[in-house]
Amino acid sequence: MTNNIGRPKKELDWKLIDSILQFGARLIDCSEMCEMSDDSIQKRIREEYNCTFSEYRDRKMSKMRMKLLQKQYDVAMQGNVALLIWLGKQHLGQQDKQEVTSFVNEIKIKKEDENL
């Protein structure tokens, strides 16, 4: 026999949660949209999927990220140079060449020469 004390569990609208999580909604956004506490949402995700809110959100965002990356790739392949450069930096390890020049040693040497 279970003792049902307290108010009944509010159902989590999984379709709503999934639809806003695909765009990277935060826990507070989900709480507001579902009118539930952060703790309740985290607990339901843990019970249903055995993962944290962040892990669940990452899973839901993966399709959106892949679609976005595909679109960026398509636009880059159509000749968008800025996107080609950006994709090269992100996925091929390419980088802008940066030269750093130090004048500290040159100044010390010149001061020593002036003292002679």
PDB file of N, CA and C in Angstrom:
ATOM      1  N   MET A   1       0.846  -1.184   0.000  1.00  0.00           N
ATOM      2  CA  MET A   1       0.000   0.000   0.000  1.00  0.00           C
ATOM      3  C   MET A   1       0.888   1.243   0.000  1.00  0.00           C
ATOM      4  N   THR A   2       0.675   2.105  -0.985  1.00  0.00           N
ATOM      5  CA  THR A   2       1.460   3.334  -1.039  1.00  0.00           C
ATOM      6  C   THR A   2       0.714   4.455  -0.357  1.00  0.00           C
ATOM      7  N   ASN A   3       1.445   5.311   0.261  1.00  0.00           N
ATOM      8  CA  ASN A   3       0.876   6.434   0.980  1.00  0.00           C
ATOM      9  C   ASN A   3       1.050   7.682   0.121  1.00  0.00           C
ATOM     10  N   ASN A   4       0.015   8.134  -0.554  1.00  0.00           N
ATOM     11  CA  ASN A   4       0.083   9.285  -1.460  1.00  0.00           C
ATOM     12  C   ASN A   4      -0.190  10.579  -0.703  1.00  0.00           C
ATOM     13  N   ILE A   5       0.818  11.054  -0.029  1.00  0.00           N
ATOM     14  CA  ILE A   5       0.710  12.301   0.704  1.00  0.00           C
ATOM     15  C   ILE A   5       1.325  13.398  -0.163  1.00  0.00           C
ATOM     16  N   GLY A   6       0.731  14.563  -0.111  1.00  0.00           N
ATOM     17  CA  GLY A   6       1.232  15.673  -0.906  1.00  0.00           C
ATOM     18  C   GLY A   6       0.494  15.776  -2.232  1.00  0.00           C
ATOM     19  N   ARG A   7       0.854  16.768  -2.980  1.00  0.00           N
ATOM     20  CA  ARG A   7       0.149  16.950  -4.250  1.00  0.00           C
ATOM     21  C   ARG A   7       0.667  15.972  -5.297  1.00  0.00           C
ATOM     22  N   PRO A   8      -0.160  15.663  -6.276  1.00  0.00           N
ATOM     23  CA  PRO A   8       0.242  14.703  -7.306  1.00  0.00           C
ATOM     24  C   PRO A   8       1.359  15.261  -8.188  1.00  0.00           C
ATOM     25  N   LYS A   9       2.132  14.351  -8.737  1.00  0.00           N
ATOM     26  CA  LYS A   9       3.230  14.721  -9.628  1.00  0.00           C
ATOM     27  C   LYS A   9       2.682  15.389 -10.879  1.00  0.00           C
ATOM     28  N   LYS A  10       3.243  16.536 -11.218  1.00  0.00           N
ATOM     29  CA  LYS A  10       2.846  17.206 -12.450  1.00  0.00           C
ATOM     30  C   LYS A  10       3.566  16.523 -13.609  1.00  0.00           C
ATOM     31  N   GLU A  11       2.831  16.254 -14.668  1.00  0.00           N
ATOM     32  CA  GLU A  11       3.434  15.615 -15.838  1.00  0.00           C
ATOM     33  C   GLU A  11       4.345  16.607 -16.550  1.00  0.00           C
ATOM     34  N   LEU A  12       5.485  16.122 -16.989  1.00  0.00           N
ATOM     35  CA  LEU A  12       6.422  16.940 -17.757  1.00  0.00           C
ATOM     36  C   LEU A  12       6.053  16.829 -19.232  1.00  0.00           C
ATOM     37  N   ASP A  13       5.910  17.947 -19.885  1.00  0.00           N
ATOM     38  CA  ASP A  13       5.577  17.975 -21.315  1.00  0.00           C
ATOM     39  C   ASP A  13       6.863  17.729 -22.104  1.00  0.00           C
ATOM     40  N   TRP A  14       7.139  16.467 -22.400  1.00  0.00           N
ATOM     41  CA  TRP A  14       8.389  16.082 -23.052  1.00  0.00           C
ATOM     42  C   TRP A  14       8.520  16.696 -24.437  1.00  0.00           C
ATOM     43  N   LYS A  15       7.405  16.822 -25.163  1.00  0.00           N
ATOM     44  CA  LYS A  15       7.464  17.426 -26.502  1.00  0.00           C
ATOM     45  C   LYS A  15       7.901  18.880 -26.418  1.00  0.00           C
ATOM     46  N   LEU A  16       7.370  19.603 -25.444  1.00  0.00           N
ATOM     47  CA  LEU A  16       7.751  21.006 -25.250  1.00  0.00           C
ATOM     48  C   LEU A  16       9.221  21.096 -24.856  1.00  0.00           C
ATOM     49  N   ILE A  17       9.626  20.289 -23.878  1.00  0.00           N
ATOM     50  CA  ILE A  17      11.022  20.294 -23.421  1.00  0.00           C
ATOM     51  C   ILE A  17      11.958  20.009 -24.592  1.00  0.00           C
ATOM     52  N   ASP A  18      11.665  18.950 -25.344  1.00  0.00           N
ATOM     53  CA  ASP A  18      12.535  18.573 -26.460  1.00  0.00           C
ATOM     54  C   ASP A  18      12.585  19.657 -27.528  1.00  0.00           C
ATOM     55  N   SER A  19      11.455  20.316 -27.788  1.00  0.00           N
ATOM     56  CA  SER A  19      11.428  21.341 -28.835  1.00  0.00           C
ATOM     57  C   SER A  19      12.264  22.558 -28.463  1.00  0.00           C
ATOM     58  N   ILE A  20      12.297  22.937 -27.184  1.00  0.00           N
ATOM     59  CA  ILE A  20      13.105  24.105 -26.822  1.00  0.00           C
ATOM     60  C   ILE A  20      14.561  23.735 -26.534  1.00  0.00           C
ATOM     61  N   LEU A  21      14.788  22.490 -26.131  1.00  0.00           N
ATOM     62  CA  LEU A  21      16.163  22.067 -25.869  1.00  0.00           C
ATOM     63  C   LEU A  21      16.974  21.933 -27.150  1.00  0.00           C
ATOM     64  N   GLN A  22      16.327  21.655 -28.266  1.00  0.00           N
ATOM     65  CA  GLN A  22      17.076  21.499 -29.507  1.00  0.00           C
ATOM     66  C   GLN A  22      17.797  22.793 -29.888  1.00  0.00           C
ATOM     67  N   PHE A  23      17.355  23.915 -29.347  1.00  0.00           N
ATOM     68  CA  PHE A  23      17.997  25.197 -29.623  1.00  0.00           C
ATOM     69  C   PHE A  23      18.882  25.659 -28.470  1.00  0.00           C
ATOM     70  N   GLY A  24      19.095  24.785 -27.494  1.00  0.00           N
ATOM     71  CA  GLY A  24      20.023  25.094 -26.412  1.00  0.00           C
ATOM     72  C   GLY A  24      19.421  25.828 -25.239  1.00  0.00           C
ATOM     73  N   ALA A  25      18.123  25.682 -25.024  1.00  0.00           N
ATOM     74  CA  ALA A  25      17.490  26.362 -23.895  1.00  0.00           C
ATOM     75  C   ALA A  25      18.164  25.968 -22.589  1.00  0.00           C
ATOM     76  N   ARG A  26      18.161  26.891 -21.665  1.00  0.00           N
ATOM     77  CA  ARG A  26      18.734  26.638 -20.348  1.00  0.00           C
ATOM     78  C   ARG A  26      17.688  26.000 -19.438  1.00  0.00           C
ATOM     79  N   LEU A  27      18.130  25.496 -18.328  1.00  0.00           N
ATOM     80  CA  LEU A  27      17.227  24.875 -17.356  1.00  0.00           C
ATOM     81  C   LEU A  27      16.170  25.872 -16.900  1.00  0.00           C
ATOM     82  N   ILE A  28      16.575  27.101 -16.664  1.00  0.00           N
ATOM     83  CA  ILE A  28      15.622  28.123 -16.206  1.00  0.00           C
ATOM     84  C   ILE A  28      14.550  28.384 -17.270  1.00  0.00           C
ATOM     85  N   ASP A  29      14.930  28.311 -18.551  1.00  0.00           N
ATOM     86  CA  ASP A  29      13.963  28.483 -19.637  1.00  0.00           C
ATOM     87  C   ASP A  29      12.940  27.353 -19.613  1.00  0.00           C
ATOM     88  N   CYS A  30      13.425  26.134 -19.445  1.00  0.00           N
ATOM     89  CA  CYS A  30      12.532  24.968 -19.379  1.00  0.00           C
ATOM     90  C   CYS A  30      11.597  25.075 -18.177  1.00  0.00           C
ATOM     91  N   SER A  31      12.124  25.520 -17.064  1.00  0.00           N
ATOM     92  CA  SER A  31      11.315  25.672 -15.853  1.00  0.00           C
ATOM     93  C   SER A  31      10.179  26.661 -16.079  1.00  0.00           C
ATOM     94  N   GLU A  32      10.510  27.770 -16.696  1.00  0.00           N
ATOM     95  CA  GLU A  32       9.496  28.791 -16.971  1.00  0.00           C
ATOM     96  C   GLU A  32       8.434  28.275 -17.936  1.00  0.00           C
ATOM     97  N   MET A  33       8.860  27.630 -19.008  1.00  0.00           N
ATOM     98  CA  MET A  33       7.928  27.154 -20.032  1.00  0.00           C
ATOM     99  C   MET A  33       7.008  26.057 -19.489  1.00  0.00           C
ATOM    100  N   CYS A  34       7.538  25.194 -18.666  1.00  0.00           N
ATOM    101  CA  CYS A  34       6.752  24.068 -18.132  1.00  0.00           C
ATOM    102  C   CYS A  34       6.087  24.389 -16.799  1.00  0.00           C
ATOM    103  N   GLU A  35       6.415  25.538 -16.248  1.00  0.00           N
ATOM    104  CA  GLU A  35       5.907  25.951 -14.935  1.00  0.00           C
ATOM    105  C   GLU A  35       6.198  24.892 -13.880  1.00  0.00           C
ATOM    106  N   MET A  36       7.478  24.486 -13.865  1.00  0.00           N
ATOM    107  CA  MET A  36       7.970  23.508 -12.894  1.00  0.00           C
ATOM    108  C   MET A  36       9.286  24.015 -12.327  1.00  0.00           C
ATOM    109  N   SER A  37       9.661  23.498 -11.190  1.00  0.00           N
ATOM    110  CA  SER A  37      10.935  23.899 -10.595  1.00  0.00           C
ATOM    111  C   SER A  37      12.098  23.247 -11.347  1.00  0.00           C
ATOM    112  N   ASP A  38      13.264  23.873 -11.249  1.00  0.00           N
ATOM    113  CA  ASP A  38      14.490  23.313 -11.832  1.00  0.00           C
ATOM    114  C   ASP A  38      14.719  21.893 -11.318  1.00  0.00           C
ATOM    115  N   ASP A  39      14.554  21.735  -9.991  1.00  0.00           N
ATOM    116  CA  ASP A  39      14.789  20.428  -9.370  1.00  0.00           C
ATOM    117  C   ASP A  39      13.861  19.356  -9.930  1.00  0.00           C
ATOM    118  N   SER A  40      12.595  19.710 -10.152  1.00  0.00           N
ATOM    119  CA  SER A  40      11.633  18.726 -10.676  1.00  0.00           C
ATOM    120  C   SER A  40      12.017  18.278 -12.080  1.00  0.00           C
ATOM    121  N   ILE A  41      12.415  19.229 -12.912  1.00  0.00           N
ATOM    122  CA  ILE A  41      12.810  18.884 -14.282  1.00  0.00           C
ATOM    123  C   ILE A  41      14.051  18.004 -14.262  1.00  0.00           C
ATOM    124  N   GLN A  42      15.036  18.374 -13.469  1.00  0.00           N
ATOM    125  CA  GLN A  42      16.252  17.570 -13.379  1.00  0.00           C
ATOM    126  C   GLN A  42      15.943  16.163 -12.872  1.00  0.00           C
ATOM    127  N   LYS A  43      15.064  16.071 -11.890  1.00  0.00           N
ATOM    128  CA  LYS A  43      14.705  14.771 -11.319  1.00  0.00           C
ATOM    129  C   LYS A  43      13.998  13.906 -12.361  1.00  0.00           C
ATOM    130  N   ARG A  44      13.073  14.482 -13.126  1.00  0.00           N
ATOM    131  CA  ARG A  44      12.352  13.720 -14.150  1.00  0.00           C
ATOM    132  C   ARG A  44      13.294  13.223 -15.237  1.00  0.00           C
ATOM    133  N   ILE A  45      14.228  14.055 -15.639  1.00  0.00           N
ATOM    134  CA  ILE A  45      15.196  13.636 -16.663  1.00  0.00           C
ATOM    135  C   ILE A  45      16.064  12.508 -16.134  1.00  0.00           C
ATOM    136  N   ARG A  46      16.489  12.624 -14.885  1.00  0.00           N
ATOM    137  CA  ARG A  46      17.302  11.577 -14.262  1.00  0.00           C
ATOM    138  C   ARG A  46      16.521  10.257 -14.175  1.00  0.00           C
ATOM    139  N   GLU A  47      15.242  10.351 -13.780  1.00  0.00           N
ATOM    140  CA  GLU A  47      14.409   9.148 -13.663  1.00  0.00           C
ATOM    141  C   GLU A  47      14.150   8.500 -15.025  1.00  0.00           C
ATOM    142  N   GLU A  48      13.845   9.311 -16.018  1.00  0.00           N
ATOM    143  CA  GLU A  48      13.437   8.797 -17.325  1.00  0.00           C
ATOM    144  C   GLU A  48      14.603   8.370 -18.204  1.00  0.00           C
ATOM    145  N   TYR A  49      15.703   9.139 -18.166  1.00  0.00           N
ATOM    146  CA  TYR A  49      16.810   8.908 -19.094  1.00  0.00           C
ATOM    147  C   TYR A  49      18.146   8.603 -18.424  1.00  0.00           C
ATOM    148  N   ASN A  50      18.172   8.622 -17.099  1.00  0.00           N
ATOM    149  CA  ASN A  50      19.379   8.315 -16.341  1.00  0.00           C
ATOM    150  C   ASN A  50      20.573   9.178 -16.769  1.00  0.00           C
ATOM    151  N   CYS A  51      20.337  10.476 -16.881  1.00  0.00           N
ATOM    152  CA  CYS A  51      21.415  11.407 -17.219  1.00  0.00           C
ATOM    153  C   CYS A  51      21.108  12.768 -16.598  1.00  0.00           C
ATOM    154  N   THR A  52      22.063  13.664 -16.680  1.00  0.00           N
ATOM    155  CA  THR A  52      21.866  15.013 -16.155  1.00  0.00           C
ATOM    156  C   THR A  52      21.120  15.864 -17.176  1.00  0.00           C
ATOM    157  N   PHE A  53      20.661  17.018 -16.738  1.00  0.00           N
ATOM    158  CA  PHE A  53      19.993  17.951 -17.643  1.00  0.00           C
ATOM    159  C   PHE A  53      20.924  18.334 -18.789  1.00  0.00           C
ATOM    160  N   SER A  54      22.177  18.635 -18.465  1.00  0.00           N
ATOM    161  CA  SER A  54      23.139  19.045 -19.500  1.00  0.00           C
ATOM    162  C   SER A  54      23.357  17.955 -20.535  1.00  0.00           C
ATOM    163  N   GLU A  55      23.466  16.722 -20.078  1.00  0.00           N
ATOM    164  CA  GLU A  55      23.644  15.601 -21.011  1.00  0.00           C
ATOM    165  C   GLU A  55      22.419  15.438 -21.903  1.00  0.00           C
ATOM    166  N   TYR A  56      21.242  15.571 -21.325  1.00  0.00           N
ATOM    167  CA  TYR A  56      20.001  15.438 -22.092  1.00  0.00           C
ATOM    168  C   TYR A  56      19.898  16.561 -23.128  1.00  0.00           C
ATOM    169  N   ARG A  57      20.215  17.790 -22.704  1.00  0.00           N
ATOM    170  CA  ARG A  57      20.177  18.933 -23.628  1.00  0.00           C
ATOM    171  C   ARG A  57      21.157  18.724 -24.777  1.00  0.00           C
ATOM    172  N   ASP A  58      22.354  18.238 -24.490  1.00  0.00           N
ATOM    173  CA  ASP A  58      23.343  17.991 -25.546  1.00  0.00           C
ATOM    174  C   ASP A  58      22.828  16.982 -26.562  1.00  0.00           C
ATOM    175  N   ARG A  59      22.149  15.946 -26.083  1.00  0.00           N
ATOM    176  CA  ARG A  59      21.567  14.957 -26.995  1.00  0.00           C
ATOM    177  C   ARG A  59      20.539  15.606 -27.916  1.00  0.00           C
ATOM    178  N   LYS A  60      19.701  16.451 -27.351  1.00  0.00           N
ATOM    179  CA  LYS A  60      18.646  17.097 -28.126  1.00  0.00           C
ATOM    180  C   LYS A  60      19.209  18.136 -29.097  1.00  0.00           C
ATOM    181  N   MET A  61      20.322  18.735 -28.749  1.00  0.00           N
ATOM    182  CA  MET A  61      20.932  19.749 -29.612  1.00  0.00           C
ATOM    183  C   MET A  61      21.733  19.136 -30.757  1.00  0.00           C
ATOM    184  N   SER A  62      22.049  17.866 -30.682  1.00  0.00           N
ATOM    185  CA  SER A  62      22.938  17.265 -31.674  1.00  0.00           C
ATOM    186  C   SER A  62      22.374  17.346 -33.092  1.00  0.00           C
ATOM    187  N   LYS A  63      21.079  17.130 -33.276  1.00  0.00           N
ATOM    188  CA  LYS A  63      20.491  17.222 -34.616  1.00  0.00           C
ATOM    189  C   LYS A  63      20.596  18.640 -35.163  1.00  0.00           C
ATOM    190  N   MET A  64      20.308  19.627 -34.322  1.00  0.00           N
ATOM    191  CA  MET A  64      20.390  21.017 -34.744  1.00  0.00           C
ATOM    192  C   MET A  64      21.823  21.386 -35.113  1.00  0.00           C
ATOM    193  N   ARG A  65      22.781  20.936 -34.314  1.00  0.00           N
ATOM    194  CA  ARG A  65      24.182  21.241 -34.598  1.00  0.00           C
ATOM    195  C   ARG A  65      24.613  20.641 -35.931  1.00  0.00           C
ATOM    196  N   MET A  66      24.173  19.427 -36.195  1.00  0.00           N
ATOM    197  CA  MET A  66      24.534  18.782 -37.465  1.00  0.00           C
ATOM    198  C   MET A  66      23.895  19.488 -38.654  1.00  0.00           C
ATOM    199  N   LYS A  67      22.637  19.902 -38.521  1.00  0.00           N
ATOM    200  CA  LYS A  67      21.971  20.642 -39.597  1.00  0.00           C
ATOM    201  C   LYS A  67      22.671  21.979 -39.846  1.00  0.00           C
ATOM    202  N   LEU A  68      23.040  22.642 -38.776  1.00  0.00           N
ATOM    203  CA  LEU A  68      23.722  23.931 -38.889  1.00  0.00           C
ATOM    204  C   LEU A  68      25.089  23.771 -39.538  1.00  0.00           C
ATOM    205  N   LEU A  69      25.824  22.772 -39.126  1.00  0.00           N
ATOM    206  CA  LEU A  69      27.138  22.517 -39.714  1.00  0.00           C
ATOM    207  C   LEU A  69      27.014  22.164 -41.196  1.00  0.00           C
ATOM    208  N   GLN A  70      26.004  21.375 -41.537  1.00  0.00           N
ATOM    209  CA  GLN A  70      25.773  21.025 -42.941  1.00  0.00           C
ATOM    210  C   GLN A  70      25.457  22.265 -43.765  1.00  0.00           C
ATOM    211  N   LYS A  71      24.625  23.154 -43.225  1.00  0.00           N
ATOM    212  CA  LYS A  71      24.273  24.390 -43.941  1.00  0.00           C
ATOM    213  C   LYS A  71      25.503  25.271 -44.113  1.00  0.00           C
ATOM    214  N   GLN A  72      26.315  25.386 -43.069  1.00  0.00           N
ATOM    215  CA  GLN A  72      27.546  26.179 -43.173  1.00  0.00           C
ATOM    216  C   GLN A  72      28.463  25.586 -44.236  1.00  0.00           C
ATOM    217  N   TYR A  73      28.575  24.286 -44.249  1.00  0.00           N
ATOM    218  CA  TYR A  73      29.411  23.612 -45.242  1.00  0.00           C
ATOM    219  C   TYR A  73      28.887  23.897 -46.650  1.00  0.00           C
ATOM    220  N   ASP A  74      27.574  23.778 -46.838  1.00  0.00           N
ATOM    221  CA  ASP A  74      26.981  24.025 -48.152  1.00  0.00           C
ATOM    222  C   ASP A  74      27.250  25.454 -48.622  1.00  0.00           C
ATOM    223  N   VAL A  75      27.073  26.418 -47.729  1.00  0.00           N
ATOM    224  CA  VAL A  75      27.304  27.826 -48.079  1.00  0.00           C
ATOM    225  C   VAL A  75      28.785  28.057 -48.374  1.00  0.00           C
ATOM    226  N   ALA A  76      29.652  27.444 -47.580  1.00  0.00           N
ATOM    227  CA  ALA A  76      31.094  27.580 -47.819  1.00  0.00           C
ATOM    228  C   ALA A  76      31.471  27.013 -49.177  1.00  0.00           C
ATOM    229  N   MET A  77      30.911  25.863 -49.529  1.00  0.00           N
ATOM    230  CA  MET A  77      31.224  25.225 -50.811  1.00  0.00           C
ATOM    231  C   MET A  77      30.693  26.014 -52.006  1.00  0.00           C
ATOM    232  N   GLN A  78      29.756  26.918 -51.746  1.00  0.00           N
ATOM    233  CA  GLN A  78      29.255  27.789 -52.801  1.00  0.00           C
ATOM    234  C   GLN A  78      30.136  29.023 -52.967  1.00  0.00           C
ATOM    235  N   GLY A  79      31.223  29.084 -52.226  1.00  0.00           N
ATOM    236  CA  GLY A  79      32.195  30.154 -52.412  1.00  0.00           C
ATOM    237  C   GLY A  79      32.267  31.193 -51.320  1.00  0.00           C
ATOM    238  N   ASN A  80      31.623  30.988 -50.194  1.00  0.00           N
ATOM    239  CA  ASN A  80      31.696  31.946 -49.098  1.00  0.00           C
ATOM    240  C   ASN A  80      33.052  31.781 -48.416  1.00  0.00           C
ATOM    241  N   VAL A  81      33.962  32.695 -48.728  1.00  0.00           N
ATOM    242  CA  VAL A  81      35.347  32.599 -48.261  1.00  0.00           C
ATOM    243  C   VAL A  81      35.436  32.669 -46.736  1.00  0.00           C
ATOM    244  N   ALA A  82      34.646  33.531 -46.135  1.00  0.00           N
ATOM    245  CA  ALA A  82      34.695  33.660 -44.669  1.00  0.00           C
ATOM    246  C   ALA A  82      34.327  32.338 -43.997  1.00  0.00           C
ATOM    247  N   LEU A  83      33.308  31.674 -44.517  1.00  0.00           N
ATOM    248  CA  LEU A  83      32.924  30.391 -43.937  1.00  0.00           C
ATOM    249  C   LEU A  83      33.964  29.314 -44.220  1.00  0.00           C
ATOM    250  N   LEU A  84      34.578  29.355 -45.386  1.00  0.00           N
ATOM    251  CA  LEU A  84      35.645  28.396 -45.690  1.00  0.00           C
ATOM    252  C   LEU A  84      36.785  28.534 -44.690  1.00  0.00           C
ATOM    253  N   ILE A  85      37.170  29.776 -44.421  1.00  0.00           N
ATOM    254  CA  ILE A  85      38.250  30.037 -43.462  1.00  0.00           C
ATOM    255  C   ILE A  85      37.842  29.555 -42.068  1.00  0.00           C
ATOM    256  N   TRP A  86      36.630  29.907 -41.648  1.00  0.00           N
ATOM    257  CA  TRP A  86      36.162  29.521 -40.323  1.00  0.00           C
ATOM    258  C   TRP A  86      36.116  28.003 -40.183  1.00  0.00           C
ATOM    259  N   LEU A  87      35.556  27.307 -41.162  1.00  0.00           N
ATOM    260  CA  LEU A  87      35.484  25.846 -41.096  1.00  0.00           C
ATOM    261  C   LEU A  87      36.884  25.227 -41.070  1.00  0.00           C
ATOM    262  N   GLY A  88      37.816  25.818 -41.833  1.00  0.00           N
ATOM    263  CA  GLY A  88      39.194  25.335 -41.818  1.00  0.00           C
ATOM    264  C   GLY A  88      39.817  25.458 -40.434  1.00  0.00           C
ATOM    265  N   LYS A  89      39.560  26.572 -39.765  1.00  0.00           N
ATOM    266  CA  LYS A  89      40.091  26.770 -38.409  1.00  0.00           C
ATOM    267  C   LYS A  89      39.453  25.806 -37.420  1.00  0.00           C
ATOM    268  N   GLN A  90      38.139  25.597 -37.549  1.00  0.00           N
ATOM    269  CA  GLN A  90      37.424  24.749 -36.598  1.00  0.00           C
ATOM    270  C   GLN A  90      37.723  23.268 -36.769  1.00  0.00           C
ATOM    271  N   HIS A  91      37.832  22.825 -38.013  1.00  0.00           N
ATOM    272  CA  HIS A  91      37.893  21.386 -38.262  1.00  0.00           C
ATOM    273  C   HIS A  91      39.222  20.889 -38.819  1.00  0.00           C
ATOM    274  N   LEU A  92      40.056  21.781 -39.265  1.00  0.00           N
ATOM    275  CA  LEU A  92      41.326  21.355 -39.848  1.00  0.00           C
ATOM    276  C   LEU A  92      42.530  21.862 -39.071  1.00  0.00           C
ATOM    277  N   GLY A  93      42.277  22.562 -37.976  1.00  0.00           N
ATOM    278  CA  GLY A  93      43.378  23.056 -37.155  1.00  0.00           C
ATOM    279  C   GLY A  93      44.140  24.210 -37.778  1.00  0.00           C
ATOM    280  N   GLN A  94      43.571  24.840 -38.797  1.00  0.00           N
ATOM    281  CA  GLN A  94      44.249  25.959 -39.434  1.00  0.00           C
ATOM    282  C   GLN A  94      44.140  27.184 -38.539  1.00  0.00           C
ATOM    283  N   GLN A  95      45.101  28.083 -38.673  1.00  0.00           N
ATOM    284  CA  GLN A  95      45.066  29.299 -37.865  1.00  0.00           C
ATOM    285  C   GLN A  95      45.759  30.436 -38.584  1.00  0.00           C
ATOM    286  N   ASP A  96      45.433  31.634 -38.171  1.00  0.00           N
ATOM    287  CA  ASP A  96      46.116  32.805 -38.698  1.00  0.00           C
ATOM    288  C   ASP A  96      47.513  32.834 -38.099  1.00  0.00           C
ATOM    289  N   LYS A  97      48.482  33.213 -38.905  1.00  0.00           N
ATOM    290  CA  LYS A  97      49.854  33.310 -38.405  1.00  0.00           C
ATOM    291  C   LYS A  97      49.953  34.581 -37.574  1.00  0.00           C
ATOM    292  N   GLN A  98      50.470  34.426 -36.373  1.00  0.00           N
ATOM    293  CA  GLN A  98      50.635  35.573 -35.496  1.00  0.00           C
ATOM    294  C   GLN A  98      52.088  35.660 -35.076  1.00  0.00           C
ATOM    295  N   GLU A  99      52.666  36.826 -35.279  1.00  0.00           N
ATOM    296  CA  GLU A  99      54.046  37.043 -34.856  1.00  0.00           C
ATOM    297  C   GLU A  99      54.048  37.958 -33.653  1.00  0.00           C
ATOM    298  N   VAL A 100      54.809  37.564 -32.660  1.00  0.00           N
ATOM    299  CA  VAL A 100      54.927  38.366 -31.457  1.00  0.00           C
ATOM    300  C   VAL A 100      56.368  38.848 -31.377  1.00  0.00           C
ATOM    301  N   THR A 101      56.533  40.138 -31.279  1.00  0.00           N
ATOM    302  CA  THR A 101      57.869  40.716 -31.205  1.00  0.00           C
ATOM    303  C   THR A 101      58.079  41.291 -29.818  1.00  0.00           C
ATOM    304  N   SER A 102      59.226  41.015 -29.249  1.00  0.00           N
ATOM    305  CA  SER A 102      59.537  41.530 -27.930  1.00  0.00           C
ATOM    306  C   SER A 102      60.623  42.588 -28.055  1.00  0.00           C
ATOM    307  N   PHE A 103      60.356  43.747 -27.490  1.00  0.00           N
ATOM    308  CA  PHE A 103      61.318  44.848 -27.535  1.00  0.00           C
ATOM    309  C   PHE A 103      62.050  45.010 -26.202  1.00  0.00           C
ATOM    310  N   VAL A 104      61.728  44.196 -25.221  1.00  0.00           N
ATOM    311  CA  VAL A 104      62.312  44.342 -23.889  1.00  0.00           C
ATOM    312  C   VAL A 104      63.823  44.167 -23.939  1.00  0.00           C
ATOM    313  N   ASN A 105      64.330  43.114 -24.568  1.00  0.00           N
ATOM    314  CA  ASN A 105      65.770  42.872 -24.628  1.00  0.00           C
ATOM    315  C   ASN A 105      66.486  43.959 -25.422  1.00  0.00           C
ATOM    316  N   GLU A 106      65.897  44.452 -26.496  1.00  0.00           N
ATOM    317  CA  GLU A 106      66.518  45.501 -27.300  1.00  0.00           C
ATOM    318  C   GLU A 106      66.691  46.773 -26.487  1.00  0.00           C
ATOM    319  N   ILE A 107      65.715  47.119 -25.667  1.00  0.00           N
ATOM    320  CA  ILE A 107      65.788  48.331 -24.851  1.00  0.00           C
ATOM    321  C   ILE A 107      66.901  48.189 -23.820  1.00  0.00           C
ATOM    322  N   LYS A 108      67.023  47.031 -23.168  1.00  0.00           N
ATOM    323  CA  LYS A 108      68.078  46.817 -22.173  1.00  0.00           C
ATOM    324  C   LYS A 108      69.453  46.938 -22.819  1.00  0.00           C
ATOM    325  N   ILE A 109      69.609  46.360 -23.999  1.00  0.00           N
ATOM    326  CA  ILE A 109      70.903  46.408 -24.687  1.00  0.00           C
ATOM    327  C   ILE A 109      71.255  47.837 -25.044  1.00  0.00           C
ATOM    328  N   LYS A 110      70.329  48.615 -25.555  1.00  0.00           N
ATOM    329  CA  LYS A 110      70.587  50.003 -25.930  1.00  0.00           C
ATOM    330  C   LYS A 110      70.959  50.836 -24.716  1.00  0.00           C
ATOM    331  N   LYS A 111      70.316  50.634 -23.576  1.00  0.00           N
ATOM    332  CA  LYS A 111      70.642  51.385 -22.356  1.00  0.00           C
ATOM    333  C   LYS A 111      72.062  51.055 -21.891  1.00  0.00           C
ATOM    334  N   GLU A 112      72.468  49.800 -21.987  1.00  0.00           N
ATOM    335  CA  GLU A 112      73.809  49.410 -21.579  1.00  0.00           C
ATOM    336  C   GLU A 112      74.833  50.072 -22.482  1.00  0.00           C
ATOM    337  N   ASP A 113      74.552  50.144 -23.805  1.00  0.00           N
ATOM    338  CA  ASP A 113      75.470  50.793 -24.748  1.00  0.00           C
ATOM    339  C   ASP A 113      75.606  52.280 -24.449  1.00  0.00           C
ATOM    340  N   GLU A 114      74.536  52.937 -24.027  1.00  0.00           N
ATOM    341  CA  GLU A 114      74.562  54.354 -23.736  1.00  0.00           C
ATOM    342  C   GLU A 114      75.405  54.651 -22.505  1.00  0.00           C
ATOM    343  N   ASN A 115      75.494  53.715 -21.580  1.00  0.00           N
ATOM    344  CA  ASN A 115      76.263  53.902 -20.350  1.00  0.00           C
ATOM    345  C   ASN A 115      77.762  53.730 -20.570  1.00  0.00           C
ATOM    346  N   LEU A 116      78.166  53.171 -21.705  1.00  0.00           N
ATOM    347  CA  LEU A 116      79.592  52.955 -21.946  1.00  0.00           C
ATOM    348  C   LEU A 116      80.325  54.197 -22.246  1.00  0.00           C
TER     349      LEU A 116
END
